[in-house]
């Protein structure tokens, strides 16, 4: 359960998509989904109007929202209605923002159909879209009334999508839960095989960790910044190269661990364990990139304040801090990352 000033959100791990009708006023509801989820699961949706989006990060824009508002008006959606997003993180982000701003806000919920959405994107009340290529530059904090995490929907995902979820689970263990981190190290093969018991532990522990952080810091003024571990450089990698979110965050976490070691906060042996887990779960440790381009994108990070960027560093596996790092220090660090080029 997420209890925030922006509302209370029930996280239903193990609930079924088929049970969605029990959680919403079907006659007053509108579903937002994407073309692939509609193809796979549309016959299991409740009987209500469906708005279908395209796929990919390219649709996460203000133009998509404008189109959505028009369709909601055409459907006749009003303030007594309910909007439910069925899909991955992109669908959840767009749905949450649309619902939070349409008619100054209507109730909404999610059915998270990807591992990334179940462990991260749908939980915590962040809703937003990209702007001019920069991730989540426009958005709101607002909690869905519920999030259904159906493990059966994960079976239809390609391996790359599973790896995106693994990246966020590694993040949760690294910043806040040494026991989860060890559990991941001990269950690599079962994780790749999507063993139900292992995956449900991954999801439930991730939800517990993230909801606890959000309950203490809903609008990211302090502790919630820890959830950005690996994402500062990760988002820059993603923008510069177009790689997947999971690959970008994997490399971002490896870099953040190296920076933690360099600053005397983390023993090198712990950084090596983190890198071993990142690699074992199919994620890269580095991304080939032109370093000056990387620096330029990093300077526009929304976590920047003046001459510094709030950066999440590890003090151990399962323990982290947020520290404002001078841009000049990051500049030198990036030079060291790409010293051969």
Protein backbone atom coordinates (compact mmCIF):
# COMPACT_ATOMS: atom_id res chain seq x y z
CA UNK A 1 0.00 0.00 0.00
CA UNK A 2 1.22 3.49 -0.89
CA UNK A 3 -0.18 6.14 1.45
CA UNK A 4 0.58 9.60 0.13
CA UNK A 5 -0.82 13.09 0.20
CA UNK A 6 -1.83 12.52 -3.42
CA UNK A 7 -3.93 9.50 -2.43
CA UNK A 8 -3.79 5.87 -1.34
CA UNK A 9 -2.76 3.19 -3.81
CA UNK A 10 -3.35 -0.56 -3.40
CA UNK A 11 -0.66 -2.74 -4.98
CA UNK A 12 -2.17 -6.13 -5.82
CA UNK A 13 0.69 -8.57 -6.50
CA UNK A 14 -0.59 -11.84 -7.94
CA UNK A 15 -4.06 -10.53 -8.83
CA UNK A 16 -5.41 -11.35 -12.29
CA UNK A 17 -6.26 -9.16 -15.25
CA UNK A 18 -9.56 -11.08 -15.39
CA UNK A 19 -10.44 -9.62 -11.97
CA UNK A 20 -10.08 -6.00 -13.15
CA UNK A 21 -13.84 -5.60 -13.42
CA UNK A 22 -14.11 -6.06 -9.64
CA UNK A 23 -12.04 -2.91 -9.02
CA UNK A 24 -13.72 -0.31 -11.22
CA UNK A 25 -17.10 1.10 -12.23
CA UNK A 26 -17.25 -0.64 -15.61
CA UNK A 27 -20.11 1.47 -17.00
CA UNK A 28 -18.18 4.69 -16.34
CA UNK A 29 -14.68 3.51 -17.21
CA UNK A 30 -12.32 3.99 -20.15
CA UNK A 31 -9.31 1.72 -20.87
CA UNK A 32 -6.05 3.04 -22.30
CA UNK A 33 -3.70 0.39 -23.69
CA UNK A 34 -1.28 -0.20 -26.58
CA UNK A 35 -1.69 -2.18 -29.77
CA UNK A 36 0.28 -5.22 -28.59
CA UNK A 37 -1.45 -5.55 -25.21
CA UNK A 38 -4.79 -5.10 -26.98
CA UNK A 39 -3.86 -7.92 -29.36
CA UNK A 40 -2.75 -10.26 -26.57
CA UNK A 41 -5.34 -9.55 -23.90
CA UNK A 42 -8.14 -7.45 -25.40
CA UNK A 43 -10.61 -10.33 -25.15
CA UNK A 44 -10.10 -10.27 -21.36
CA UNK A 45 -10.80 -6.55 -20.92
CA UNK A 46 -14.01 -5.42 -19.21
CA UNK A 47 -16.69 -4.19 -21.61
CA UNK A 48 -15.98 -0.46 -21.79
CA UNK A 49 -14.49 1.98 -24.33
CA UNK A 50 -10.84 1.32 -25.25
CA UNK A 51 -8.30 3.89 -26.47
CA UNK A 52 -5.35 2.17 -28.15
CA UNK A 53 -1.91 3.78 -28.36
CA UNK A 54 1.10 2.92 -30.45
CA UNK A 55 4.25 1.50 -28.88
CA UNK A 56 7.67 2.76 -27.89
CA UNK A 57 9.21 5.73 -26.14
CA UNK A 58 8.40 7.90 -29.16
CA UNK A 59 4.69 8.07 -28.25
CA UNK A 60 5.34 9.41 -24.75
CA UNK A 61 4.72 13.01 -25.79
CA UNK A 62 2.41 15.99 -25.32
CA UNK A 63 1.02 15.29 -28.80
CA UNK A 64 -0.17 11.87 -27.62
CA UNK A 65 -1.84 13.50 -24.62
CA UNK A 66 -3.61 16.01 -26.87
CA UNK A 67 -4.99 13.15 -28.92
CA UNK A 68 -6.05 11.30 -25.76
CA UNK A 69 -7.93 14.31 -24.39
CA UNK A 70 -9.83 14.56 -27.68
CA UNK A 71 -10.82 10.89 -27.56
CA UNK A 72 -11.93 11.17 -23.94
CA UNK A 73 -14.14 14.12 -24.87
CA UNK A 74 -15.59 12.19 -27.82
CA UNK A 75 -16.34 9.22 -25.53
CA UNK A 76 -18.07 11.55 -23.09
CA UNK A 77 -15.82 10.80 -20.12
CA UNK A 78 -16.66 13.03 -17.17
CA UNK A 79 -15.48 13.58 -13.59
CA UNK A 80 -17.49 10.64 -12.29
CA UNK A 81 -15.61 8.28 -14.59
CA UNK A 82 -12.55 6.10 -14.17
CA UNK A 83 -9.53 5.61 -16.44
CA UNK A 84 -7.47 2.42 -16.32
CA UNK A 85 -4.15 1.90 -18.07
CA UNK A 86 -3.36 -1.67 -19.13
CA UNK A 87 0.22 -2.13 -20.27
CA UNK A 88 3.82 -1.37 -19.47
CA UNK A 89 5.52 1.68 -18.07
CA UNK A 90 4.83 3.92 -21.06
CA UNK A 91 1.10 3.23 -20.96
CA UNK A 92 1.04 3.74 -17.19
CA UNK A 93 2.96 7.03 -17.40
CA UNK A 94 0.70 8.42 -20.13
CA UNK A 95 -2.51 7.17 -18.52
CA UNK A 96 -1.61 8.58 -15.12
CA UNK A 97 -0.78 11.99 -16.57
CA UNK A 98 -3.89 12.08 -18.77
CA UNK A 99 -6.19 11.07 -15.89
CA UNK A 100 -4.54 13.54 -13.50
CA UNK A 101 -5.05 16.48 -15.85
CA UNK A 102 -8.27 15.68 -17.75
CA UNK A 103 -11.07 17.77 -16.20
CA UNK A 104 -8.52 18.67 -13.47
CA UNK A 105 -8.31 15.02 -12.47
CA UNK A 106 -10.34 11.79 -12.55
CA UNK A 107 -9.71 8.54 -10.70
CA UNK A 108 -7.44 6.00 -12.35
CA UNK A 109 -5.74 2.63 -11.87
CA UNK A 110 -3.28 0.36 -13.65
CA UNK A 111 -2.86 -3.22 -14.76
CA UNK A 112 0.92 -3.54 -15.10
CA UNK A 113 1.73 -6.13 -17.76
CA UNK A 114 5.55 -5.87 -17.85
CA UNK A 115 8.08 -6.68 -15.16
CA UNK A 116 9.42 -3.12 -15.31
CA UNK A 117 5.96 -1.69 -14.72
CA UNK A 118 5.20 -4.14 -11.90
CA UNK A 119 8.36 -3.43 -9.92
CA UNK A 120 8.77 0.26 -10.70
CA UNK A 121 6.93 2.31 -13.31
CA UNK A 122 3.37 1.78 -12.06
CA UNK A 123 4.20 2.18 -8.35
CA UNK A 124 4.76 5.47 -6.58
CA UNK A 125 2.56 8.04 -8.30
CA UNK A 126 4.96 9.51 -10.87
CA UNK A 127 3.18 10.24 -14.13
CA UNK A 128 4.63 12.10 -17.10
CA UNK A 129 5.81 12.36 -20.66
CA UNK A 130 9.04 13.22 -22.42
CA UNK A 131 9.73 16.62 -23.95
CA UNK A 132 12.16 17.31 -26.79
CA UNK A 133 13.83 13.96 -26.15
CA UNK A 134 14.34 14.47 -22.40
CA UNK A 135 12.72 11.80 -20.25
CA UNK A 136 9.80 12.68 -17.99
CA UNK A 137 10.38 16.43 -18.18
CA UNK A 138 6.64 17.18 -17.91
CA UNK A 139 4.50 15.41 -15.34
CA UNK A 140 2.68 15.22 -12.03
CA UNK A 141 2.69 13.27 -8.79
CA UNK A 142 -0.63 11.46 -8.34
CA UNK A 143 -1.44 7.99 -7.02
CA UNK A 144 -3.48 5.37 -8.90
CA UNK A 145 -6.23 3.86 -6.77
CA UNK A 146 -4.84 0.40 -7.50
CA UNK A 147 -2.14 -1.45 -9.42
CA UNK A 148 -2.79 -5.04 -10.50
CA UNK A 149 0.42 -7.06 -11.04
CA UNK A 150 -0.61 -10.21 -12.91
CA UNK A 151 2.36 -12.63 -13.15
CA UNK A 152 0.77 -14.45 -16.09
CA UNK A 153 1.23 -11.44 -18.37
CA UNK A 154 5.02 -11.69 -18.02
CA UNK A 155 5.07 -14.92 -20.03
CA UNK A 156 4.39 -13.05 -23.26
CA UNK A 157 7.32 -10.64 -22.85
CA UNK A 158 10.49 -10.76 -24.96
CA UNK A 159 13.76 -11.24 -23.04
CA UNK A 160 14.72 -7.57 -23.41
CA UNK A 161 11.59 -6.52 -21.53
CA UNK A 162 12.35 -8.95 -18.72
CA UNK A 163 15.88 -7.57 -18.45
CA UNK A 164 14.46 -4.05 -18.09
CA UNK A 165 12.60 -5.24 -15.03
CA UNK A 166 15.67 -7.00 -13.67
CA UNK A 167 17.56 -3.69 -13.75
CA UNK A 168 15.06 -2.03 -11.43
CA UNK A 169 14.99 -5.02 -9.06
CA UNK A 170 18.79 -4.93 -8.83
CA UNK A 171 18.46 -1.22 -8.06
CA UNK A 172 16.04 -1.84 -5.20
CA UNK A 173 18.29 -4.44 -3.62
CA UNK A 174 21.41 -2.31 -4.07
CA UNK A 175 19.99 0.83 -2.48
CA UNK A 176 17.89 -0.63 0.32
CA UNK A 177 17.79 -4.41 0.82
CA UNK A 178 20.87 -6.62 1.10
CA UNK A 179 18.65 -9.70 1.56
CA UNK A 180 16.92 -9.11 -1.79
CA UNK A 181 20.30 -8.56 -3.42
CA UNK A 182 21.59 -11.91 -2.08
CA UNK A 183 18.36 -13.64 -3.13
CA UNK A 184 18.93 -12.40 -6.66
CA UNK A 185 22.54 -13.61 -6.65
CA UNK A 186 21.33 -17.06 -5.50
CA UNK A 187 18.54 -17.39 -8.08
CA UNK A 188 19.98 -16.27 -11.40
CA UNK A 189 18.84 -19.31 -13.38
CA UNK A 190 15.36 -19.32 -11.86
CA UNK A 191 15.04 -15.62 -12.60
CA UNK A 192 15.84 -16.19 -16.27
CA UNK A 193 13.33 -19.05 -16.31
CA UNK A 194 10.66 -16.76 -14.80
CA UNK A 195 10.14 -19.15 -11.91
CA UNK A 196 6.85 -17.96 -10.39
CA UNK A 197 7.99 -18.08 -6.75
CA UNK A 198 11.20 -16.18 -7.50
CA UNK A 199 9.51 -13.55 -9.67
CA UNK A 200 6.75 -12.94 -7.14
CA UNK A 201 9.45 -12.43 -4.47
CA UNK A 202 11.19 -9.95 -6.78
CA UNK A 203 7.96 -8.05 -7.38
CA UNK A 204 6.65 -8.05 -3.82
CA UNK A 205 10.01 -7.01 -2.34
CA UNK A 206 10.45 -4.27 -4.94
CA UNK A 207 6.95 -2.96 -4.27
CA UNK A 208 7.61 -3.04 -0.51
CA UNK A 209 10.86 -1.13 -0.90
CA UNK A 210 9.52 1.45 -3.31
CA UNK A 211 6.23 2.02 -1.47
CA UNK A 212 8.10 2.47 1.80
CA UNK A 213 10.33 5.12 0.26
CA UNK A 214 7.37 6.86 -1.41
CA UNK A 215 5.36 6.86 1.83
CA UNK A 216 8.23 8.73 3.49
CA UNK A 217 8.97 11.10 0.58
CA UNK A 218 6.18 11.20 -2.00
CA UNK A 219 7.37 14.17 -4.09
CA UNK A 220 11.09 13.41 -4.20
CA UNK A 221 12.45 16.06 -1.87
CA UNK A 222 14.89 13.73 -0.11
CA UNK A 223 14.90 9.94 0.33
CA UNK A 224 12.92 9.20 -2.83
CA UNK A 225 15.88 10.43 -4.83
CA UNK A 226 17.53 7.12 -3.91
CA UNK A 227 15.21 5.47 -6.43
CA UNK A 228 17.22 7.24 -9.14
CA UNK A 229 20.26 5.01 -8.52
CA UNK A 230 21.77 4.28 -11.93
CA UNK A 231 19.29 6.57 -13.67
CA UNK A 232 21.22 9.83 -13.87
CA UNK A 233 23.80 8.45 -16.28
CA UNK A 234 21.28 5.84 -17.41
CA UNK A 235 18.86 8.40 -18.80
CA UNK A 236 21.74 10.12 -20.57
CA UNK A 237 22.85 6.79 -22.11
CA UNK A 238 19.27 6.16 -23.20
CA UNK A 239 18.86 9.55 -24.84
CA UNK A 240 22.22 9.47 -26.61
CA UNK A 241 22.02 5.93 -27.97
CA UNK A 242 18.41 4.77 -27.98
CA UNK A 243 19.23 1.59 -26.03
CA UNK A 244 16.57 0.08 -23.77
CA UNK A 245 15.85 1.51 -20.35
CA UNK A 246 17.11 -1.62 -18.63
CA UNK A 247 20.41 -1.66 -20.50
CA UNK A 248 20.90 2.04 -19.77
CA UNK A 249 20.18 1.62 -16.06
CA UNK A 250 22.42 -1.45 -15.82
CA UNK A 251 25.37 0.52 -17.17
CA UNK A 252 24.34 3.51 -15.08
CA UNK A 253 24.43 1.45 -11.89
CA UNK A 254 27.86 0.05 -12.75
CA UNK A 255 29.14 3.60 -13.28
CA UNK A 256 27.53 4.85 -10.06
CA UNK A 257 29.17 2.00 -8.15
CA UNK A 258 32.56 2.97 -9.62
CA UNK A 259 31.96 6.58 -8.57
CA UNK A 260 31.02 5.37 -5.08
CA UNK A 261 34.34 3.50 -4.88
CA UNK A 262 36.27 6.50 -6.19
CA UNK A 263 34.74 8.72 -3.51
CA UNK A 264 35.71 6.29 -0.76
CA UNK A 265 32.16 5.28 0.11
CA UNK A 266 31.99 1.70 -1.19
CA UNK A 267 34.51 -1.15 -0.96
CA UNK A 268 35.61 -2.25 -4.42
CA UNK A 269 34.61 -5.84 -3.63
CA UNK A 270 30.97 -4.71 -3.27
CA UNK A 271 31.11 -2.87 -6.59
CA UNK A 272 32.40 -6.05 -8.23
CA UNK A 273 29.50 -8.07 -6.78
CA UNK A 274 27.05 -5.55 -8.17
CA UNK A 275 28.68 -5.71 -11.59
CA UNK A 276 28.65 -9.51 -11.51
CA UNK A 277 24.89 -9.48 -10.84
CA UNK A 278 24.22 -6.90 -13.55
CA UNK A 279 26.17 -9.03 -16.07
CA UNK A 280 24.59 -12.32 -14.92
CA UNK A 281 21.11 -10.92 -15.54
CA UNK A 282 22.00 -10.01 -19.10
CA UNK A 283 22.68 -6.29 -18.75
CA UNK A 284 25.72 -4.32 -19.98
CA UNK A 285 28.31 -2.74 -17.70
CA UNK A 286 29.21 0.06 -20.12
CA UNK A 287 27.82 1.83 -23.17
CA UNK A 288 30.00 2.99 -26.08
CA UNK A 289 29.28 6.70 -26.49
CA UNK A 290 30.91 9.98 -27.44
CA UNK A 291 31.79 11.43 -24.03
CA UNK A 292 31.20 15.10 -24.88
CA UNK A 293 27.66 14.24 -26.02
CA UNK A 294 27.12 12.39 -22.75
CA UNK A 295 28.31 15.39 -20.74
CA UNK A 296 26.04 17.76 -22.64
CA UNK A 297 22.95 15.63 -21.97
CA UNK A 298 23.90 15.15 -18.32
CA UNK A 299 23.97 18.92 -17.79
CA UNK A 300 20.26 19.05 -18.69
CA UNK A 301 19.29 16.37 -16.12
CA UNK A 302 16.22 17.45 -14.17
CA UNK A 303 17.99 16.57 -10.90
CA UNK A 304 20.58 19.28 -11.51
CA UNK A 305 20.68 22.20 -9.09
CA UNK A 306 23.12 24.96 -9.96
CA UNK A 307 26.62 23.54 -10.36
CA UNK A 308 25.70 20.13 -8.97
CA UNK A 309 23.56 17.07 -9.67
CA UNK A 310 21.92 14.97 -6.99
CA UNK A 311 23.59 11.59 -7.43
CA UNK A 312 22.79 8.30 -5.68
CA UNK A 313 25.86 6.53 -4.32
CA UNK A 314 26.26 3.24 -2.47
CA UNK A 315 27.85 2.83 0.94
CA UNK A 316 27.24 -0.94 0.89
CA UNK A 317 25.03 -3.40 -0.94
CA UNK A 318 21.66 -2.50 0.54
CA UNK A 319 22.67 0.95 1.72
CA UNK A 320 22.79 4.24 -0.19
CA UNK A 321 23.00 8.00 0.14
CA UNK A 322 22.09 10.96 -2.04
CA UNK A 323 24.92 13.41 -2.53
CA UNK A 324 25.14 16.56 -4.61
CA UNK A 325 28.10 16.04 -6.93
CA UNK A 326 29.77 19.02 -8.57
CA UNK A 327 29.43 19.00 -12.35
CA UNK A 328 33.21 19.37 -12.65
CA UNK A 329 33.69 16.15 -10.64
CA UNK A 330 31.27 14.30 -12.92
CA UNK A 331 33.05 15.74 -15.94
CA UNK A 332 36.36 14.30 -14.73
CA UNK A 333 34.69 10.98 -13.88
CA UNK A 334 33.24 10.67 -17.37
CA UNK A 335 36.68 11.39 -18.82
CA UNK A 336 38.04 8.47 -16.78
CA UNK A 337 35.19 6.19 -17.96
CA UNK A 338 36.14 6.83 -21.57
CA UNK A 339 39.86 7.44 -21.16
CA UNK A 340 40.67 5.39 -24.25
CA UNK A 341 38.46 7.49 -26.44
